[in-house]
Amino acid sequence: MALSTGAKIGRYEIIASIGAGGMGEVYRAHDPRLRRDVAIKVSAQQFSERFEREAHAIAALNHPNICQVYDIGPNYLVMEFIEGTPLAGPLPVDVALRHAVQIADALSAAHAKGITHRDLKPANILVTASGIKLLDFGLALLSRDGMRSVDETATIGMTQAGTILGTAAYMSPEQTEAKPVDARSDIFSFGLVLYEMLSGRRAFTGDSAIAIMASILHKDPEPLDTTPALQNILARCLRKSPAERFQSITQVKDALLATTNGVGPPVERTPSIAVRPFANMSADKENEYFSDGLAEEIINVLAHLPGLRVIARTSAFAFRGKQQDIRKIAEALGVSTILEGSVRSAGNRIRVTAQLISAGNGSHLWSERYDREMTDVFAVQDEIAAAITRVLQVKLSVAPAALRRYVPNLPAYEAYLKARHHWAKVTPESLARSKECYEHAIALDPGFALAHIGLADYYLLVTAAAGLVPAHEAMPLVRACAKKALDIDSSLPEAHALLGVVAAVYEYDWENAKLLFRLAMARDPVPLQVHHWYGWFYLEPMGEDAVETLERVLQEDPLNRVLRQCLAICL
């Protein structure tokens, strides 16, 4: 039964009907407690399976181009109210590209959470004053196993005689044949949406849903009068076989961005940065561990900022000591900005200089010098991160200081930085020295959870990668260190992931491993190392497709040779 203006559902007051869908009515309503308008989707039944799927899917996502869920009730879902118009073409090429990149960003966030939309179409994409908003996850497929269906059920179902669940004109070939689908199905649908944005017409037409689906299966869309690069992107998105398409939506986005040179106003690229190792200007050259550690800690703080792509330490430090043009380094790492700096320490005083450089022309965007007490090192890291967010205009949802899970005492922190410094060299001697430093950091500050994580990672490395310690000796120590870290901080994703590695490749308890990795990836941002462990120690041994997961990590760590070796083996 339709709700009238002024009716109440929960604490929400109905303002007007927005429209109807397969799950019931959608209303604009007012939330008096938070004094804002919301959209309420009211199910005709008590919390149906489709309704629950949409609630779980949207709740798992936090992205500026995806509608947000605020609340759920026994038969309703409360979401962000969005003022906008459904996507429609034809559009100028630069506008279509700008929209397409934002849609790809939204899908990338969903796929990273194991969510396949399965109903991507212009009607589910709103154009607002602030950009694109992706809606309606009612048909979403939720999975934690990357590109494998959780239910392996057909994606076409009948809600009533002659009614197909979904929109035939935007289905992938595998959907039309009721085959299992994965993220590559969304890529096909994305190609259909892009085609319509550019041309103003659908890629596949017919007199009925059956005729349209037959066209999708057996015909190719009419080529568009557009640039060869865009035509190639469309053709690859719309390949009949998933294996012949782009294998991730991130690849699609990168291809789109590569076409923007000379095509109208440039599409806004995601801000990106690489933090080079800070130069050690101290008299004692052994203090390099501290300058390296300062740079790595800034990387860790920046990695928590939404909307900023940050290159991992392995790749960012690959050019240490090489006198190369900053623009060449940025090109190799695929970033728009580089942070460089130096550290000079004397007694209890430190001097840190930092400068942010534009990769486009080598100009300085920002520079600063900090003269502080050694105990203020954490504040310096946060100030540098905050300055970078201002310059790059990245949305900072939380203050840098709030990103720190724990501030250790200074001697323990220095021991930890020494451990990281030796660990990165990956020789038998340096690994042994790293272990000593981790143990020293723990002795100085037993509540320093990341030191316990570092020690667990050491034991994993020396048995799984280096073969220096038998697994039956090392793996129980990995487990013990990870559990100790969780006792200190139950939210640590690295600790859950390390326990997942132990459960998977040492105990062969795959169900427990799946649960532990799910816990490790429950909150954003997920550390790159966690994605790496998930792909290599869980997906690959289980016979799943780990390629997309590892390729995602390579976006932020492109020069990591170990990661590329793992990817090569998976391929």
Protein backbone atom coordinates (compact mmCIF):
# COMPACT_ATOMS: atom_id res chain seq x y z
CA MET A 1 0.00 0.00 0.00
CA ALA A 2 1.35 3.42 -1.00
CA LEU A 3 2.24 5.85 1.76
CA SER A 4 0.74 9.33 1.71
CA THR A 5 2.45 12.64 2.45
CA GLY A 6 2.88 13.12 6.20
CA ALA A 7 2.76 9.39 6.99
CA LYS A 8 5.40 8.03 9.35
CA ILE A 9 7.64 5.03 8.88
CA GLY A 10 9.87 4.61 11.86
CA ARG A 11 10.98 8.12 12.78
CA TYR A 12 10.85 9.26 9.15
CA GLU A 13 8.09 11.48 7.75
CA ILE A 14 7.07 10.83 4.13
CA ILE A 15 7.30 13.87 1.84
CA ALA A 16 6.54 12.42 -1.58
CA SER A 17 6.76 9.32 -3.72
CA ILE A 18 9.86 9.18 -5.94
CA GLY A 19 9.02 6.08 -7.92
CA ALA A 20 8.39 2.36 -7.87
CA GLY A 21 10.64 -0.61 -8.42
CA GLY A 22 10.59 -4.37 -8.30
CA MET A 23 10.94 -4.25 -4.52
CA GLY A 24 8.22 -1.71 -3.78
CA GLU A 25 7.95 2.08 -3.51
CA VAL A 26 10.70 4.66 -3.08
CA TYR A 27 9.90 7.84 -1.15
CA ARG A 28 11.51 11.10 -0.24
CA ALA A 29 11.25 11.52 3.53
CA HIS A 30 12.53 13.73 6.33
CA ASP A 31 14.63 12.61 9.27
CA PRO A 32 13.67 15.00 12.13
CA ARG A 33 16.45 13.82 14.42
CA LEU A 34 19.28 14.58 12.00
CA ARG A 35 17.30 17.27 10.14
CA ARG A 36 17.94 15.96 6.66
CA ASP A 37 15.96 14.48 3.79
CA VAL A 38 16.49 10.83 2.96
CA ALA A 39 15.30 8.28 0.41
CA ILE A 40 13.33 5.34 1.79
CA LYS A 41 12.83 2.16 -0.18
CA VAL A 42 9.84 0.30 1.24
CA SER A 43 9.52 -3.38 0.46
CA ALA A 44 6.13 -4.90 -0.21
CA GLN A 45 7.21 -7.78 2.05
CA GLN A 46 9.11 -8.19 5.28
CA PHE A 47 12.82 -7.89 4.46
CA SER A 48 13.06 -9.96 1.28
CA GLU A 49 16.26 -11.64 0.13
CA ARG A 50 16.74 -8.99 -2.56
CA PHE A 51 16.18 -6.25 0.00
CA GLU A 52 18.73 -7.77 2.37
CA ARG A 53 21.24 -8.15 -0.45
CA GLU A 54 20.98 -4.46 -1.31
CA ALA A 55 21.30 -3.38 2.33
CA HIS A 56 24.42 -5.50 2.84
CA ALA A 57 25.96 -4.40 -0.45
CA ILE A 58 25.53 -0.66 0.10
CA ALA A 59 26.53 -0.88 3.77
CA ALA A 60 29.82 -2.51 2.76
CA LEU A 61 30.71 0.44 0.53
CA ASN A 62 31.93 3.94 1.31
CA HIS A 63 32.59 5.84 -1.89
CA PRO A 64 31.65 9.35 -3.06
CA ASN A 65 30.12 7.96 -6.27
CA ILE A 66 27.90 5.37 -4.52
CA CYS A 67 24.70 6.16 -2.61
CA GLN A 68 25.03 5.65 1.14
CA VAL A 69 22.79 3.59 3.42
CA TYR A 70 21.76 5.25 6.71
CA ASP A 71 19.33 2.88 8.38
CA ILE A 72 17.27 -0.28 7.93
CA GLY A 73 13.90 -1.34 9.29
CA PRO A 74 11.76 -4.46 9.16
CA ASN A 75 10.66 -3.68 5.60
CA TYR A 76 12.47 -0.50 4.60
CA LEU A 77 15.90 0.76 3.67
CA VAL A 78 16.95 4.37 4.40
CA MET A 79 19.48 5.84 2.02
CA GLU A 80 21.08 9.10 1.01
CA PHE A 81 18.63 11.34 -0.84
CA ILE A 82 20.23 12.35 -4.12
CA GLU A 83 19.08 15.23 -6.29
CA GLY A 84 20.06 14.44 -9.84
CA THR A 85 18.94 13.18 -13.23
CA PRO A 86 19.41 9.71 -14.74
CA LEU A 87 22.37 9.38 -17.07
CA ALA A 88 21.50 10.00 -20.73
CA GLY A 89 23.32 10.52 -24.02
CA PRO A 90 24.57 11.60 -26.41
CA LEU A 91 27.15 13.56 -24.44
CA PRO A 92 30.28 15.47 -25.49
CA VAL A 93 33.26 13.14 -25.38
CA ASP A 94 34.95 14.95 -22.48
CA VAL A 95 31.74 14.84 -20.40
CA ALA A 96 31.17 11.16 -21.21
CA LEU A 97 34.75 10.36 -20.22
CA ARG A 98 34.43 12.26 -16.94
CA HIS A 99 31.25 10.37 -16.08
CA ALA A 100 32.76 7.05 -17.20
CA VAL A 101 35.81 7.43 -14.98
CA GLN A 102 33.59 8.13 -11.94
CA ILE A 103 31.39 5.12 -12.74
CA ALA A 104 34.52 2.98 -13.04
CA ASP A 105 35.73 4.31 -9.68
CA ALA A 106 32.44 3.32 -8.05
CA LEU A 107 32.50 -0.16 -9.61
CA SER A 108 36.13 -0.59 -8.58
CA ALA A 109 35.18 0.09 -4.95
CA ALA A 110 32.35 -2.44 -5.19
CA HIS A 111 34.48 -5.11 -6.87
CA ALA A 112 37.20 -4.61 -4.25
CA LYS A 113 34.59 -5.64 -1.66
CA GLY A 114 33.57 -8.70 -3.67
CA ILE A 115 30.34 -7.06 -4.93
CA THR A 116 29.18 -7.42 -8.53
CA HIS A 117 26.39 -4.95 -9.35
CA ARG A 118 24.66 -7.03 -12.07
CA ASP A 119 22.17 -4.28 -12.97
CA LEU A 120 24.35 -1.45 -14.28
CA LYS A 121 22.28 0.77 -16.59
CA PRO A 122 21.69 4.51 -17.12
CA ALA A 123 18.55 4.46 -14.95
CA ASN A 124 20.69 3.35 -11.99
CA ILE A 125 23.24 6.14 -12.50
CA LEU A 126 22.37 9.68 -11.42
CA VAL A 127 24.19 12.80 -12.60
CA THR A 128 24.37 15.32 -9.74
CA ALA A 129 26.01 18.69 -9.23
CA SER A 130 28.93 16.98 -7.50
CA GLY A 131 29.29 14.08 -9.92
CA ILE A 132 28.00 10.57 -10.57
CA LYS A 133 26.04 8.48 -8.05
CA LEU A 134 25.61 4.74 -8.59
CA LEU A 135 22.31 3.35 -7.26
CA ASP A 136 20.30 0.17 -6.81
CA PHE A 137 22.29 -2.82 -5.61
CA GLY A 138 19.14 -4.94 -5.39
CA LEU A 139 20.59 -7.54 -7.80
CA ALA A 140 24.13 -7.33 -6.43
CA LEU A 141 26.12 -10.53 -6.05
CA LEU A 142 28.06 -10.53 -2.78
CA SER A 143 31.20 -12.60 -2.60
CA ARG A 144 34.46 -12.55 -0.66
CA ASP A 145 36.15 -14.83 -3.16
CA GLY A 146 36.97 -12.28 -5.80
CA MET A 147 35.49 -13.22 -9.15
CA ARG A 148 33.67 -16.41 -8.12
CA SER A 149 29.95 -16.45 -7.38
CA VAL A 150 28.95 -17.28 -3.85
CA ASP A 151 25.75 -18.96 -4.92
CA GLU A 152 26.54 -20.07 -8.49
CA THR A 153 22.88 -19.48 -9.31
CA ALA A 154 21.50 -18.12 -12.53
CA THR A 155 21.31 -14.34 -12.70
CA ILE A 156 17.99 -14.30 -14.51
CA GLY A 157 14.95 -15.10 -12.42
CA MET A 158 11.24 -14.69 -12.84
CA THR A 159 9.36 -12.47 -10.40
CA GLN A 160 6.16 -13.15 -12.28
CA ALA A 161 5.24 -14.69 -15.60
CA GLY A 162 7.06 -12.92 -18.45
CA THR A 163 9.02 -10.56 -16.18
CA ILE A 164 12.80 -10.82 -16.21
CA LEU A 165 14.75 -9.85 -13.12
CA GLY A 166 17.08 -7.21 -14.51
CA THR A 167 17.16 -5.20 -17.73
CA ALA A 168 17.76 -7.23 -20.88
CA ALA A 169 19.40 -4.42 -22.87
CA TYR A 170 22.23 -4.09 -20.35
CA MET A 171 22.94 -7.75 -19.57
CA SER A 172 26.19 -9.51 -20.31
CA PRO A 173 26.15 -12.62 -22.51
CA GLU A 174 26.72 -14.84 -19.48
CA GLN A 175 23.71 -13.27 -17.75
CA THR A 176 21.46 -13.94 -20.71
CA GLU A 177 22.51 -17.60 -20.65
CA ALA A 178 21.97 -17.91 -16.89
CA LYS A 179 25.63 -18.72 -16.33
CA PRO A 180 27.64 -17.77 -13.22
CA VAL A 181 28.85 -14.18 -13.41
CA ASP A 182 31.68 -12.16 -11.90
CA ALA A 183 33.06 -8.64 -12.05
CA ARG A 184 33.69 -8.95 -15.79
CA SER A 185 29.92 -9.04 -16.31
CA ASP A 186 29.78 -5.48 -14.93
CA ILE A 187 32.53 -4.54 -17.40
CA PHE A 188 30.32 -5.64 -20.31
CA SER A 189 27.41 -3.62 -18.89
CA PHE A 190 29.77 -0.67 -18.38
CA GLY A 191 30.64 -0.88 -22.09
CA LEU A 192 26.94 -0.72 -22.94
CA VAL A 193 26.48 2.36 -20.75
CA LEU A 194 29.53 4.06 -22.28
CA TYR A 195 28.26 3.26 -25.77
CA GLU A 196 24.94 4.93 -24.93
CA MET A 197 26.63 7.96 -23.37
CA LEU A 198 28.62 8.53 -26.56
CA SER A 199 25.89 7.76 -29.10
CA GLY A 200 22.55 8.39 -27.42
CA ARG A 201 21.32 4.95 -28.47
CA ARG A 202 21.51 1.43 -27.11
CA ALA A 203 24.15 -0.93 -28.40
CA PHE A 204 21.66 -3.81 -28.76
CA THR A 205 17.98 -3.46 -29.65
CA GLY A 206 15.07 -5.72 -30.47
CA ASP A 207 11.30 -6.05 -30.42
CA SER A 208 11.35 -8.07 -27.20
CA ALA A 209 13.60 -8.98 -24.31
CA ILE A 210 14.33 -12.33 -25.99
CA ALA A 211 15.31 -10.59 -29.23
CA ILE A 212 17.58 -8.17 -27.38
CA MET A 213 19.30 -11.02 -25.53
CA ALA A 214 19.77 -12.90 -28.81
CA SER A 215 21.50 -9.81 -30.23
CA ILE A 216 23.77 -9.60 -27.20
CA LEU A 217 24.75 -13.24 -27.71
CA HIS A 218 25.26 -13.26 -31.46
CA LYS A 219 25.74 -9.75 -32.83
CA ASP A 220 28.24 -6.92 -32.49
CA PRO A 221 27.10 -3.33 -31.93
CA GLU A 222 27.38 -0.85 -34.77
CA PRO A 223 30.77 0.97 -34.58
CA LEU A 224 30.62 4.56 -33.35
CA ASP A 225 32.12 7.59 -35.00
CA THR A 226 34.59 8.27 -32.22
CA THR A 227 38.33 8.12 -31.59
CA PRO A 228 40.15 4.84 -32.32
CA ALA A 229 41.20 4.62 -28.64
CA LEU A 230 37.61 4.85 -27.41
CA GLN A 231 36.41 2.42 -30.07
CA ASN A 232 39.05 -0.07 -28.88
CA ILE A 233 37.93 0.33 -25.27
CA LEU A 234 34.31 -0.25 -26.23
CA ALA A 235 35.19 -3.29 -28.34
CA ARG A 236 37.19 -4.88 -25.54
CA CYS A 237 34.50 -4.21 -22.91
CA LEU A 238 31.88 -5.79 -25.19
CA ARG A 239 33.67 -9.02 -26.06
CA LYS A 240 31.33 -12.00 -25.77
CA SER A 241 33.82 -14.05 -23.75
CA PRO A 242 34.69 -12.68 -20.27
CA ALA A 243 38.27 -13.89 -20.73
CA GLU A 244 38.70 -11.57 -23.72
CA ARG A 245 37.46 -8.43 -21.95
CA PHE A 246 39.36 -6.17 -19.61
CA GLN A 247 39.94 -8.31 -16.53
CA SER A 248 39.31 -5.55 -14.01
CA ILE A 249 37.43 -2.27 -14.03
CA THR A 250 40.66 -0.59 -12.93
CA GLN A 251 42.16 -1.55 -16.28
CA VAL A 252 39.16 0.07 -17.99
CA LYS A 253 39.63 3.26 -16.00
CA ASP A 254 43.34 3.40 -16.83
CA ALA A 255 42.54 2.95 -20.52
CA LEU A 256 39.97 5.75 -20.37
CA LEU A 257 42.40 8.10 -18.68
CA ALA A 258 45.00 7.33 -21.33
CA THR A 259 42.60 8.60 -24.02
CA THR A 260 42.07 12.02 -22.44
CA ASN A 261 45.13 13.69 -23.98
CA GLY A 262 43.79 16.15 -26.51
CA VAL A 263 40.12 15.21 -26.02
CA GLY A 264 38.50 18.40 -24.70
CA PRO A 265 39.08 19.42 -21.07
CA PRO A 266 41.15 16.81 -19.24
CA VAL A 267 39.37 14.23 -17.09
CA GLU A 268 40.24 14.80 -13.46
CA ARG A 269 42.66 12.07 -12.40
CA THR A 270 42.81 10.62 -8.94
CA PRO A 271 45.54 12.50 -7.01
CA SER A 272 48.56 10.26 -6.61
CA ILE A 273 51.86 10.47 -4.77
CA ALA A 274 55.10 8.62 -4.21
CA VAL A 275 57.17 9.35 -1.10
CA ARG A 276 60.87 8.89 -1.81
CA PRO A 277 63.26 7.88 0.99
CA PHE A 278 64.26 10.97 2.94
CA ALA A 279 67.94 11.85 2.73
CA ASN A 280 69.90 11.28 5.93
CA MET A 281 71.79 14.53 6.60
CA SER A 282 72.97 13.54 10.08
CA ALA A 283 76.64 13.14 10.90
CA ASP A 284 76.01 9.51 11.83
CA LYS A 285 75.26 7.64 8.60
CA GLU A 286 73.77 4.81 10.67
CA ASN A 287 70.77 7.09 11.19
CA GLU A 288 69.48 6.18 7.73
CA TYR A 289 66.99 3.87 9.45
CA PHE A 290 65.34 6.96 10.95
CA SER A 291 65.07 8.94 7.70
CA ASP A 292 63.72 5.85 5.91
CA GLY A 293 61.30 5.22 8.73
CA LEU A 294 60.01 8.78 8.66
CA ALA A 295 59.23 8.46 4.94
CA GLU A 296 57.53 5.10 5.45
CA GLU A 297 55.40 6.43 8.29
CA ILE A 298 54.26 9.32 6.09
CA ILE A 299 53.32 6.75 3.43
CA ASN A 300 51.25 4.90 6.03
CA VAL A 301 49.42 8.06 7.10
CA LEU A 302 48.73 9.16 3.52
CA ALA A 303 47.47 5.67 2.60
CA HIS A 304 44.50 6.25 4.92
CA LEU A 305 43.32 9.34 3.05
CA PRO A 306 40.29 8.71 0.82
CA GLY A 307 40.78 9.82 -2.77
CA LEU A 308 44.58 9.64 -2.75
CA ARG A 309 46.57 6.89 -4.50
CA VAL A 310 49.80 6.25 -2.58
CA ILE A 311 52.70 4.17 -3.88
CA ALA A 312 53.97 1.52 -1.45
CA ARG A 313 57.42 1.65 0.10
CA THR A 314 58.93 -1.12 -2.04
CA SER A 315 58.31 0.77 -5.27
CA ALA A 316 58.75 4.29 -3.87
CA PHE A 317 62.20 3.39 -2.50
CA ALA A 318 63.34 1.64 -5.69
CA PHE A 319 65.10 4.76 -6.97
CA ARG A 320 67.23 5.32 -3.86
CA GLY A 321 70.57 6.83 -4.81
CA LYS A 322 69.70 7.10 -8.51
CA GLN A 323 70.11 10.57 -9.98
CA GLN A 324 67.15 10.39 -12.34
CA ASP A 325 64.86 13.14 -13.54
CA ILE A 326 61.94 13.42 -11.14
CA ARG A 327 59.55 13.27 -14.09
CA LYS A 328 60.99 9.93 -15.20
CA ILE A 329 60.56 8.51 -11.72
CA ALA A 330 56.97 9.74 -11.57
CA GLU A 331 56.28 8.21 -14.98
CA ALA A 332 57.67 4.83 -13.90
CA LEU A 333 55.50 4.88 -10.76
CA GLY A 334 52.44 6.34 -12.48
CA VAL A 335 52.00 9.29 -10.09
CA SER A 336 51.33 12.99 -10.45
CA THR A 337 53.37 14.18 -7.45
CA ILE A 338 56.54 13.22 -5.59
CA LEU A 339 57.39 13.98 -1.96
CA GLU A 340 61.09 14.34 -1.17
CA GLY A 341 62.81 15.40 2.01
CA SER A 342 65.77 15.20 4.35
CA VAL A 343 66.32 14.54 8.03
CA ARG A 344 69.09 15.87 10.26
CA SER A 345 69.25 14.75 13.88
CA ALA A 346 71.52 15.99 16.63
CA GLY A 347 70.96 14.92 20.20
CA ASN A 348 67.29 15.34 21.00
CA ARG A 349 66.63 17.71 18.10
CA ILE A 350 65.58 16.91 14.53
CA ARG A 351 65.30 19.08 11.43
CA VAL A 352 63.00 17.76 8.72
CA THR A 353 62.61 19.39 5.33
CA ALA A 354 59.97 18.26 2.86
CA GLN A 355 58.95 19.37 -0.61
CA LEU A 356 56.09 18.28 -2.84
CA ILE A 357 56.99 18.27 -6.54
CA SER A 358 54.69 18.21 -9.57
CA ALA A 359 55.57 15.40 -11.96
CA GLY A 360 54.25 17.37 -14.92
CA ASN A 361 56.89 20.10 -14.95
CA GLY A 362 59.12 19.43 -11.95
CA SER A 363 57.92 22.54 -10.12
CA HIS A 364 57.63 22.75 -6.33
CA LEU A 365 54.03 22.76 -5.12
CA TRP A 366 54.89 23.10 -1.44
CA SER A 367 57.90 23.00 0.89
CA GLU A 368 58.44 23.36 4.61
CA ARG A 369 61.10 22.96 7.30
CA TYR A 370 60.41 21.60 10.79
CA ASP A 371 62.79 22.08 13.74
CA ARG A 372 61.48 20.03 16.63
CA GLU A 373 62.30 17.86 19.60
CA MET A 374 62.71 14.21 18.73
CA THR A 375 59.58 13.41 20.73
CA ASP A 376 57.56 15.53 18.25
CA VAL A 377 58.32 13.24 15.31
CA PHE A 378 54.73 11.96 15.12
CA ALA A 379 53.39 15.52 14.99
CA VAL A 380 55.79 16.32 12.14
CA GLN A 381 54.54 13.31 10.16
CA ASP A 382 50.95 14.42 10.65
CA GLU A 383 51.69 18.03 9.71
CA ILE A 384 53.35 16.93 6.47
CA ALA A 385 50.39 14.67 5.63
CA ALA A 386 47.92 17.48 6.39
CA ALA A 387 49.86 19.92 4.21
CA ILE A 388 49.82 17.46 1.30
CA THR A 389 46.05 17.01 1.58
CA ARG A 390 45.60 20.79 1.39
CA VAL A 391 47.82 21.14 -1.67
CA LEU A 392 46.28 18.19 -3.51
CA GLN A 393 42.77 19.06 -2.26
CA VAL A 394 42.17 15.50 -1.12
CA LYS A 395 39.12 15.03 1.07
CA LEU A 396 40.40 14.28 4.57
CA SER A 397 37.61 12.53 6.45
CA VAL A 398 39.57 12.28 9.71
CA ALA A 399 42.47 14.19 11.19
CA PRO A 400 45.91 12.57 10.68
CA ALA A 401 46.39 12.20 14.42
CA ALA A 402 43.21 10.14 14.59
CA LEU A 403 44.64 7.68 12.08
CA ARG A 404 47.30 6.53 14.54
CA ARG A 405 46.29 3.40 16.36
CA TYR A 406 48.96 3.74 19.02
CA VAL A 407 51.87 6.06 19.80
CA PRO A 408 54.77 4.01 21.22
CA ASN A 409 57.49 5.38 23.44
CA LEU A 410 60.40 6.85 21.49
CA PRO A 411 63.04 4.13 22.19
CA ALA A 412 60.58 1.42 21.11
CA TYR A 413 59.70 3.41 18.02
CA GLU A 414 63.37 3.78 17.07
CA ALA A 415 63.88 0.02 17.54
CA TYR A 416 60.84 -0.60 15.32
CA LEU A 417 62.21 1.68 12.58
CA LYS A 418 65.54 -0.16 12.73
CA ALA A 419 63.67 -3.46 12.37
CA ARG A 420 61.84 -2.17 9.29
CA HIS A 421 65.09 -0.86 7.84
CA HIS A 422 66.84 -4.24 8.17
CA TRP A 423 63.75 -6.21 7.13
CA ALA A 424 63.57 -4.38 3.78
CA LYS A 425 67.06 -5.61 2.79
CA VAL A 426 65.91 -9.27 2.85
CA THR A 427 69.22 -11.02 3.43
CA PRO A 428 69.74 -13.73 6.07
CA GLU A 429 71.88 -11.33 8.09
CA SER A 430 69.51 -8.38 7.80
CA LEU A 431 66.50 -10.53 8.68
CA ALA A 432 68.24 -11.78 11.82
CA ARG A 433 69.01 -8.19 12.78
CA SER A 434 65.40 -7.23 12.06
CA LYS A 435 64.16 -9.94 14.43
CA GLU A 436 66.41 -8.65 17.22
CA CYS A 437 65.09 -5.10 16.73
CA TYR A 438 61.44 -6.20 16.75
CA GLU A 439 62.05 -8.14 19.97
CA HIS A 440 63.80 -5.12 21.47
CA ALA A 441 60.89 -2.84 20.53
CA ILE A 442 58.45 -5.25 22.20
CA ALA A 443 60.61 -5.43 25.32
CA LEU A 444 60.67 -1.62 25.51
CA ASP A 445 56.93 -1.27 24.87
CA PRO A 446 54.90 -4.53 25.14
CA GLY A 447 51.75 -2.68 24.08
CA PHE A 448 53.22 -1.76 20.67
CA ALA A 449 51.00 -4.00 18.52
CA LEU A 450 52.72 -3.23 15.21
CA ALA A 451 55.99 -4.56 16.61
CA HIS A 452 54.25 -7.89 17.28
CA ILE A 453 52.91 -7.80 13.69
CA GLY A 454 56.42 -7.14 12.40
CA LEU A 455 57.79 -10.13 14.33
CA ALA A 456 55.00 -12.35 12.98
CA ASP A 457 55.76 -11.14 9.46
CA TYR A 458 59.44 -11.98 10.05
CA TYR A 459 58.59 -15.58 10.99
CA LEU A 460 56.32 -15.88 7.94
CA LEU A 461 59.00 -14.55 5.62
CA VAL A 462 61.80 -16.77 6.89
CA THR A 463 59.72 -19.92 6.44
CA ALA A 464 57.37 -19.24 3.50
CA ALA A 465 59.71 -17.22 1.28
CA ALA A 466 63.27 -17.77 2.44
CA GLY A 467 63.04 -21.32 3.77
CA LEU A 468 65.42 -20.48 6.61
CA VAL A 469 63.25 -21.96 9.39
CA PRO A 470 61.08 -25.13 9.22
CA ALA A 471 57.38 -24.39 9.03
CA HIS A 472 56.56 -26.42 12.15
CA GLU A 473 58.83 -24.07 14.10
CA ALA A 474 57.95 -20.76 12.47
CA MET A 475 54.21 -20.94 11.83
CA PRO A 476 53.16 -21.42 15.47
CA LEU A 477 55.23 -18.32 16.24
CA VAL A 478 53.42 -16.40 13.48
CA ARG A 479 50.15 -17.42 15.15
CA ALA A 480 51.34 -16.48 18.65
CA CYS A 481 52.61 -13.03 17.60
CA ALA A 482 49.45 -12.25 15.61
CA LYS A 483 47.22 -13.28 18.53
CA LYS A 484 49.26 -11.08 20.87
CA ALA A 485 48.75 -8.15 18.50
CA LEU A 486 45.00 -8.80 18.47
CA ASP A 487 44.94 -8.93 22.27
CA ILE A 488 46.31 -5.38 22.17
CA ASP A 489 44.26 -4.08 19.23
CA SER A 490 41.40 -6.27 18.01
CA SER A 491 40.92 -4.17 14.87
CA LEU A 492 44.35 -4.82 13.32
CA PRO A 493 43.74 -6.12 9.77
CA GLU A 494 47.31 -7.43 9.48
CA ALA A 495 46.83 -9.64 12.56
CA HIS A 496 43.62 -11.19 11.22
CA ALA A 497 45.29 -11.73 7.84
CA LEU A 498 48.36 -13.41 9.37
CA LEU A 499 46.09 -15.78 11.28
CA GLY A 500 44.33 -16.39 7.97
CA VAL A 501 47.65 -17.36 6.39
CA VAL A 502 48.36 -19.81 9.22
CA ALA A 503 44.87 -21.30 8.96
CA ALA A 504 45.16 -21.67 5.19
CA VAL A 505 48.61 -22.95 4.29
CA TYR A 506 49.68 -24.49 7.61
CA GLU A 507 46.50 -25.84 9.19
CA TYR A 508 44.54 -26.31 5.91
CA ASP A 509 41.47 -24.92 7.66
CA TRP A 510 40.11 -23.10 4.63
CA GLU A 511 36.77 -22.10 6.15
CA ASN A 512 38.48 -20.44 9.12
CA ALA A 513 40.98 -18.81 6.76
CA LYS A 514 38.10 -17.37 4.73
CA LEU A 515 36.53 -15.92 7.88
CA LEU A 516 39.81 -14.44 9.09
CA PHE A 517 40.56 -12.77 5.76
CA ARG A 518 37.01 -11.44 5.73
CA LEU A 519 37.70 -9.82 9.11
CA ALA A 520 41.01 -8.46 7.80
CA MET A 521 39.26 -6.73 4.92
CA ALA A 522 36.20 -5.51 6.82
CA ARG A 523 37.35 -1.90 7.09
CA ASP A 524 38.82 0.56 4.64
CA PRO A 525 41.55 1.09 3.80
CA VAL A 526 42.78 -2.49 3.59
CA PRO A 527 46.60 -2.59 3.78
CA LEU A 528 48.25 -3.69 0.54
CA GLN A 529 50.04 -6.51 2.35
CA VAL A 530 46.67 -7.95 3.40
CA HIS A 531 45.48 -8.04 -0.22
CA HIS A 532 48.77 -9.69 -1.20
CA TRP A 533 48.47 -12.37 1.48
CA TYR A 534 44.81 -12.96 0.58
CA GLY A 535 45.58 -13.48 -3.10
CA TRP A 536 48.70 -15.56 -2.65
CA PHE A 537 48.00 -17.66 0.45
CA TYR A 538 44.22 -18.12 0.09
CA LEU A 539 42.80 -17.50 -3.39
CA GLU A 540 45.60 -19.15 -5.37
CA PRO A 541 45.84 -22.38 -3.28
CA MET A 542 42.04 -22.66 -3.35
CA GLY A 543 42.11 -22.63 -7.13
CA GLU A 544 40.42 -19.23 -7.26
CA ASP A 545 41.39 -16.40 -9.58
CA ALA A 546 43.93 -14.36 -7.62
CA VAL A 547 45.00 -12.30 -10.63
CA GLU A 548 42.63 -9.37 -10.08
CA THR A 549 43.55 -9.14 -6.40
CA LEU A 550 47.29 -9.09 -7.12
CA GLU A 551 46.87 -6.66 -10.01
CA ARG A 552 45.04 -4.34 -7.61
CA VAL A 553 48.06 -4.37 -5.29
CA LEU A 554 50.39 -3.69 -8.23
CA GLN A 555 48.53 -0.44 -8.87
CA GLU A 556 50.11 0.89 -5.65
CA ASP A 557 53.31 -1.18 -5.74
CA PRO A 558 54.26 -1.49 -9.43
CA LEU A 559 57.97 -2.24 -8.93
CA ASN A 560 57.56 -5.00 -6.32
CA ARG A 561 59.43 -7.97 -7.84
CA VAL A 562 58.13 -10.51 -5.33
CA LEU A 563 54.55 -9.48 -6.07
CA ARG A 564 55.15 -9.72 -9.82
CA GLN A 565 56.61 -13.20 -9.34
CA CYS A 566 53.46 -14.25 -7.47
CA LEU A 567 51.30 -12.80 -10.24
CA ALA A 568 53.33 -14.60 -12.89
CA ILE A 569 52.81 -17.93 -11.13
CA CYS A 570 49.06 -17.29 -10.87
CA LEU A 571 48.93 -16.46 -14.57
